[in-house]
Amino acid sequence: MKRRILTVAFAAISLGIMADDIPSLNVKASSGDKSIALSTIQSIKYEGSNMIVTLTDNSQQTFSVDEVTSITFSNITAAIQQVFGNGEAAEKCVVTDLNGRIMQGDNLPKGVYIITSGNTSRKVIIK
């Protein structure tokens, strides 16, 4: 019985630790912070002044770009950790490929892209 209790306790502690290691999208906004597991995200779109995160269960999380102070990823193994953090509106972002061609649409093919917003540029890899 003692062994069974210890096994259950160890499993519960392990699950608690693993929950903190889930790759996540973290949105900080003046209206509150939100962390969303990447495995539950179906798409991220910008419409007008909103960022809309559609989840795999077809529910949506909407964030006003004007209120967003930063968007970061946690618990992933990549060089890019912060997408943008200066609160600039999404419509000011320009996506180019490595040859400098401006890319259109929300279904970019696999590759490396540069996202520029104001004086800030970020490299993004789509696998």
C-alpha atoms as a PDB file:
ATOM      1  CA  MET A   1       0.000   0.000   0.000  1.00  0.00           C
ATOM      2  CA  LYS A   2       2.830   2.369   0.903  1.00  0.00           C
ATOM      3  CA  ARG A   3       4.535   1.639  -2.427  1.00  0.00           C
ATOM      4  CA  ARG A   4       1.291   2.366  -4.316  1.00  0.00           C
ATOM      5  CA  ILE A   5       0.857   5.742  -2.533  1.00  0.00           C
ATOM      6  CA  LEU A   6       4.457   6.715  -3.316  1.00  0.00           C
ATOM      7  CA  THR A   7       3.987   5.730  -6.966  1.00  0.00           C
ATOM      8  CA  VAL A   8       0.830   7.831  -7.269  1.00  0.00           C
ATOM      9  CA  ALA A   9       2.505  10.780  -5.501  1.00  0.00           C
ATOM     10  CA  PHE A  10       5.566  10.562  -7.791  1.00  0.00           C
ATOM     11  CA  ALA A  11       3.355  10.410 -10.886  1.00  0.00           C
ATOM     12  CA  ALA A  12       1.380  13.467  -9.749  1.00  0.00           C
ATOM     13  CA  ILE A  13       4.576  15.438  -9.099  1.00  0.00           C
ATOM     14  CA  SER A  14       6.015  14.382 -12.475  1.00  0.00           C
ATOM     15  CA  LEU A  15       2.876  15.491 -14.305  1.00  0.00           C
ATOM     16  CA  GLY A  16       3.027  18.842 -12.527  1.00  0.00           C
ATOM     17  CA  ILE A  17       6.624  19.329 -13.609  1.00  0.00           C
ATOM     18  CA  MET A  18       5.873  18.260 -17.186  1.00  0.00           C
ATOM     19  CA  ALA A  19       2.981  20.730 -17.407  1.00  0.00           C
ATOM     20  CA  ASP A  20       5.476  23.577 -16.952  1.00  0.00           C
ATOM     21  CA  ASP A  21       7.629  22.211 -19.797  1.00  0.00           C
ATOM     22  CA  ILE A  22       4.906  22.336 -22.465  1.00  0.00           C
ATOM     23  CA  PRO A  23       5.872  24.505 -25.475  1.00  0.00           C
ATOM     24  CA  SER A  24       3.640  27.563 -25.234  1.00  0.00           C
ATOM     25  CA  LEU A  25       2.699  30.846 -26.852  1.00  0.00           C
ATOM     26  CA  ASN A  26       2.705  33.583 -24.202  1.00  0.00           C
ATOM     27  CA  VAL A  27       0.806  36.813 -24.821  1.00  0.00           C
ATOM     28  CA  LYS A  28       1.270  39.728 -22.429  1.00  0.00           C
ATOM     29  CA  ALA A  29      -1.359  42.429 -22.744  1.00  0.00           C
ATOM     30  CA  SER A  30      -2.624  45.317 -20.648  1.00  0.00           C
ATOM     31  CA  SER A  31      -5.886  43.357 -20.274  1.00  0.00           C
ATOM     32  CA  GLY A  32      -4.037  40.322 -18.804  1.00  0.00           C
ATOM     33  CA  ASP A  33      -1.535  37.612 -19.659  1.00  0.00           C
ATOM     34  CA  LYS A  34      -2.379  34.347 -21.441  1.00  0.00           C
ATOM     35  CA  SER A  35      -0.322  31.213 -22.072  1.00  0.00           C
ATOM     36  CA  ILE A  36      -1.537  28.768 -24.745  1.00  0.00           C
ATOM     37  CA  ALA A  37      -0.006  25.335 -25.411  1.00  0.00           C
ATOM     38  CA  LEU A  38       1.380  25.244 -28.959  1.00  0.00           C
ATOM     39  CA  SER A  39      -0.108  21.780 -29.488  1.00  0.00           C
ATOM     40  CA  THR A  40      -3.598  23.308 -29.151  1.00  0.00           C
ATOM     41  CA  ILE A  41      -3.079  26.103 -31.704  1.00  0.00           C
ATOM     42  CA  GLN A  42      -4.558  25.583 -35.160  1.00  0.00           C
ATOM     43  CA  SER A  43      -3.811  29.056 -36.579  1.00  0.00           C
ATOM     44  CA  ILE A  44      -2.875  32.636 -35.720  1.00  0.00           C
ATOM     45  CA  LYS A  45      -4.319  35.410 -37.890  1.00  0.00           C
ATOM     46  CA  TYR A  46      -4.343  39.183 -37.807  1.00  0.00           C
ATOM     47  CA  GLU A  47      -7.620  40.856 -38.717  1.00  0.00           C
ATOM     48  CA  GLY A  48      -7.835  44.624 -38.392  1.00  0.00           C
ATOM     49  CA  SER A  49      -6.334  45.457 -35.017  1.00  0.00           C
ATOM     50  CA  ASN A  50      -6.866  41.968 -33.542  1.00  0.00           C
ATOM     51  CA  MET A  51      -4.702  38.881 -33.286  1.00  0.00           C
ATOM     52  CA  ILE A  52      -6.955  35.816 -33.398  1.00  0.00           C
ATOM     53  CA  VAL A  53      -5.646  32.473 -32.138  1.00  0.00           C
ATOM     54  CA  THR A  54      -7.830  29.573 -33.302  1.00  0.00           C
ATOM     55  CA  LEU A  55      -7.445  26.431 -31.240  1.00  0.00           C
ATOM     56  CA  THR A  56      -7.782  22.825 -32.367  1.00  0.00           C
ATOM     57  CA  ASP A  57     -11.243  22.645 -30.748  1.00  0.00           C
ATOM     58  CA  ASN A  58     -12.250  25.610 -33.028  1.00  0.00           C
ATOM     59  CA  SER A  59     -12.561  28.022 -30.090  1.00  0.00           C
ATOM     60  CA  GLN A  60     -10.802  31.367 -30.451  1.00  0.00           C
ATOM     61  CA  GLN A  61      -8.724  33.656 -28.280  1.00  0.00           C
ATOM     62  CA  THR A  62      -8.762  37.275 -29.498  1.00  0.00           C
ATOM     63  CA  PHE A  63      -6.183  39.880 -28.480  1.00  0.00           C
ATOM     64  CA  SER A  64      -6.263  43.573 -29.365  1.00  0.00           C
ATOM     65  CA  VAL A  65      -2.882  44.344 -30.936  1.00  0.00           C
ATOM     66  CA  ASP A  66      -2.993  47.783 -29.301  1.00  0.00           C
ATOM     67  CA  GLU A  67      -3.051  46.125 -25.852  1.00  0.00           C
ATOM     68  CA  VAL A  68      -0.375  43.474 -26.562  1.00  0.00           C
ATOM     69  CA  THR A  69       2.997  44.347 -25.052  1.00  0.00           C
ATOM     70  CA  SER A  70       4.828  41.139 -26.028  1.00  0.00           C
ATOM     71  CA  ILE A  71       4.416  37.757 -27.657  1.00  0.00           C
ATOM     72  CA  THR A  72       6.932  35.092 -26.684  1.00  0.00           C
ATOM     73  CA  PHE A  73       7.387  31.346 -26.967  1.00  0.00           C
ATOM     74  CA  SER A  74       8.508  29.230 -24.042  1.00  0.00           C
ATOM     75  CA  ASN A  75       9.929  25.732 -23.706  1.00  0.00           C
ATOM     76  CA  ILE A  76      10.922  25.391 -27.339  1.00  0.00           C
ATOM     77  CA  THR A  77      14.329  24.692 -28.791  1.00  0.00           C
ATOM     78  CA  ALA A  78      14.775  27.511 -31.264  1.00  0.00           C
ATOM     79  CA  ALA A  79      16.847  30.643 -31.563  1.00  0.00           C
ATOM     80  CA  ILE A  80      13.773  32.872 -31.834  1.00  0.00           C
ATOM     81  CA  GLN A  81      12.059  33.552 -28.529  1.00  0.00           C
ATOM     82  CA  GLN A  82      10.274  36.881 -29.037  1.00  0.00           C
ATOM     83  CA  VAL A  83       8.163  37.712 -32.090  1.00  0.00           C
ATOM     84  CA  PHE A  84       7.476  41.364 -31.320  1.00  0.00           C
ATOM     85  CA  GLY A  85       7.368  43.338 -28.164  1.00  0.00           C
ATOM     86  CA  ASN A  86       7.002  47.002 -28.969  1.00  0.00           C
ATOM     87  CA  GLY A  87       3.209  47.078 -29.325  1.00  0.00           C
ATOM     88  CA  GLU A  88       3.225  48.124 -32.979  1.00  0.00           C
ATOM     89  CA  ALA A  89       0.082  47.323 -34.934  1.00  0.00           C
ATOM     90  CA  ALA A  90       0.135  44.112 -36.963  1.00  0.00           C
ATOM     91  CA  GLU A  91      -0.694  45.869 -40.232  1.00  0.00           C
ATOM     92  CA  LYS A  92       2.714  47.580 -40.071  1.00  0.00           C
ATOM     93  CA  CYS A  93       4.502  44.209 -40.319  1.00  0.00           C
ATOM     94  CA  VAL A  94       6.169  43.227 -43.596  1.00  0.00           C
ATOM     95  CA  VAL A  95       7.180  39.637 -44.344  1.00  0.00           C
ATOM     96  CA  THR A  96       9.991  39.065 -46.849  1.00  0.00           C
ATOM     97  CA  ASP A  97      11.870  35.990 -47.975  1.00  0.00           C
ATOM     98  CA  LEU A  98      15.678  35.852 -47.925  1.00  0.00           C
ATOM     99  CA  ASN A  99      15.781  37.280 -51.462  1.00  0.00           C
ATOM    100  CA  GLY A 100      13.920  40.403 -50.296  1.00  0.00           C
ATOM    101  CA  ARG A 101      10.614  39.544 -51.999  1.00  0.00           C
ATOM    102  CA  ILE A 102       7.567  40.714 -50.041  1.00  0.00           C
ATOM    103  CA  MET A 103       5.382  37.715 -49.172  1.00  0.00           C
ATOM    104  CA  GLN A 104       1.581  37.834 -49.128  1.00  0.00           C
ATOM    105  CA  GLY A 105      -1.030  35.671 -47.409  1.00  0.00           C
ATOM    106  CA  ASP A 106      -1.167  33.570 -44.293  1.00  0.00           C
ATOM    107  CA  ASN A 107      -0.107  30.220 -45.827  1.00  0.00           C
ATOM    108  CA  LEU A 108       3.608  30.718 -46.381  1.00  0.00           C
ATOM    109  CA  PRO A 109       5.526  27.702 -47.695  1.00  0.00           C
ATOM    110  CA  LYS A 110       8.357  26.149 -45.691  1.00  0.00           C
ATOM    111  CA  GLY A 111      11.359  28.439 -45.503  1.00  0.00           C
ATOM    112  CA  VAL A 112      13.096  31.282 -43.720  1.00  0.00           C
ATOM    113  CA  TYR A 113      11.437  34.704 -43.578  1.00  0.00           C
ATOM    114  CA  ILE A 114      12.181  38.130 -42.139  1.00  0.00           C
ATOM    115  CA  ILE A 115       9.342  39.937 -40.333  1.00  0.00           C
ATOM    116  CA  THR A 116       9.924  43.681 -40.064  1.00  0.00           C
ATOM    117  CA  SER A 117       7.848  45.987 -37.884  1.00  0.00           C
ATOM    118  CA  GLY A 118       9.096  49.555 -37.524  1.00  0.00           C
ATOM    119  CA  ASN A 119      12.812  49.412 -36.734  1.00  0.00           C
ATOM    120  CA  THR A 120      12.635  45.788 -35.523  1.00  0.00           C
ATOM    121  CA  SER A 121      13.259  42.703 -37.660  1.00  0.00           C
ATOM    122  CA  ARG A 122      12.952  39.048 -36.691  1.00  0.00           C
ATOM    123  CA  LYS A 123      13.940  35.878 -38.505  1.00  0.00           C
ATOM    124  CA  VAL A 124      11.248  33.162 -38.642  1.00  0.00           C
ATOM    125  CA  ILE A 125      11.625  29.581 -39.820  1.00  0.00           C
ATOM    126  CA  ILE A 126       8.569  27.708 -41.072  1.00  0.00           C
ATOM    127  CA  LYS A 127       9.132  23.959 -41.066  1.00  0.00           C
END
